[in-house]
Amino acid sequence: MRGWAEGAEVVPVSTLALPALLVAAALAAQDPGGDAIVEPPPRAPIAGVSGLALTSVLSWSDGDGATLEADLSVWLVFPARARWQRTPRPARPGSRELAFRYGPQTWRVESGSAESRRLEGEAARRVELELELRRALWLWPEGFEWSGSGGFRSAPLDTPALADGEPWFLVARLGDGDRPAEMGLARGAPDSDPRSLLHVRALTWQTSGERDFPAGFDLHLGPALAWHERVTATYFAPQALDHFFLPPDRKQGLVPVTDAPPREVRLPERAERRQALPEGTGWEEAVAAARRLAALERERLGEQGPALAPGVLVELDREGRPRAVRVELAELPAELPEGWVRAPEQAAWDQRLATPGPVSAQLLARLRAYLGPSERSDWAFVRLAPDDLGSLRAVVVQPFEREVH
C-alpha cells in the first residue's frame, strides 16, 4: 500500500484566526435566509450507538511563539444530525463559531453574528468530511466497512453529500492494540496518500467500559498542523431534540417577532435584591410587585445610600412564568446593604422584545438553543427599563455558565 508517505513535513498553521476546516467552508457560505427545512431521515443507531457528544480543548501556535486555546464541542446523532461549536479562550461575547448539519443541509454561524448562512458544494462537503472522520475515530472499529491487511485499513465513505465525483475513503494506520495511530481521508483510491488531505496523527486512546475512543491527537490539513486536540469528555447516546441541530434563526414558528436579533453579552458583577413570587403569579402582577420592591428599596436606602439601577427585573421559569422579581444597584458598593447579595459576572444571550409583555416558552427555548453541551442555563429574566425617549424597553436575558475542563 503506497499511502502514508514517510517523512512528510509538518508545517505549523500560523495564519489561521480559526484553525479549523470550517474556515474554508465559510468562504462558500451563501443565502442568509429563506430556505425550506428538509427533514433528516429517521433516527437509527450505528453499531448500537444512537450518537455521541464530545468536548475538547484545542491549542495551536499563532506564529509568534504564543499558544492559543479554544473549547470545542461536537454533537452527532445518527444519521445526519450534527452540531459543531468552537469558543476561544478566554471567551468573549459573540466570539463563538457554530456549524450545523440537519439532513442534507449545512449551515454556519460566524463569530459575532446570530445569523446562519447555508453552506453549499465544496464548503458543505468539507464539513461533512470532518464530521465523518470524527465518527470513524469515536466508533472504531465499528460504523464503517473496514478492510485491509497488516497495519493498514480502509473503508469507503458513501454518505449522500460525498456521492458526486471521485469516491472518498477513510484510511487508517494501526498502532498498538489494533487501534489507529493515524487516520485520514483519501480520494479516488484507498491507497492514495491521506496526508495530502485532512488527517490526524499522534493518536492516543482511552477506555471506558468496553469502548475505546480518542484521548488526544494532532489534526493536520495537508502538511500543515492545524491544532492539538485534548479530549476532555465523551458522552455516548446523548439526549437532544432535533431542533438542537438547527440554527436558532431557522427554527420555523418557534418565536414571536422581535425587533432585534439575539446577541451574546456579559453581565457584570452586580448587587441585587430578590423577592420570590407566589406560584401562579401572572405577568402584570409580577411587574407590579417588581415596582413595589424598587420603591421600597429606594425609600429604605435613602438619599445618602447607593442608587438603584434604572428599571426592574422579572425572573422566569423555563416556561416563561414569573417566579421572582429583582432590582439592582447602579454601582457595586464595597459593602452591600442588608438583604442584598453579590451576583457574579455571567455570560448571557439577550433579545429585545417588540413590546413589553409575557414571554413564551418558545422564546426561551430559542435562546437556550444557542447554548453548547458544556454550557448550563441559569434562570432567565426580563429587564424592564425606560429607553432614551422614555418608552418602556423590555429585554429578555438568558444567563448561562460554561463548564471548564
Foldseek 3Di string as FASTA:
>chain_A
DQADDPPQAAAADQDDPALDLLVVQVVQFDDQDDDDDDAADDQDDFPPFQWKKFKKKWWGHNVPPDIWIWIWIKIQGPDFWIKIKIATPPGDWQQMKIWFTGHPWIWIAHRFGLTITTGDDPSVVSVVQVVVQQVVQQQPPTDFDWDDDDQKIKGWDDDPSQPDDWTKMKMFGADPPRHGQKIAMDTNDRRYYRLQAWMWHRWDWDDDDHGIHTQWTFIAGRSYTSTTIGIDDMDTRDDDDRCLRPRLVPPPPLADDFDDDKTKDKDAKFKKAKDWDDPPDADVNQQVVFVVVQVVVDVVQDPPGFAWDFFWKFWADLQQGGTMIMTTTPDHDPDDDPRMDIDHMFMKMKGWGRDDDTGGSSVSVSRCSPDDPQKAWDTKMWTWGADPVRDTTIMIIITIDGDDD
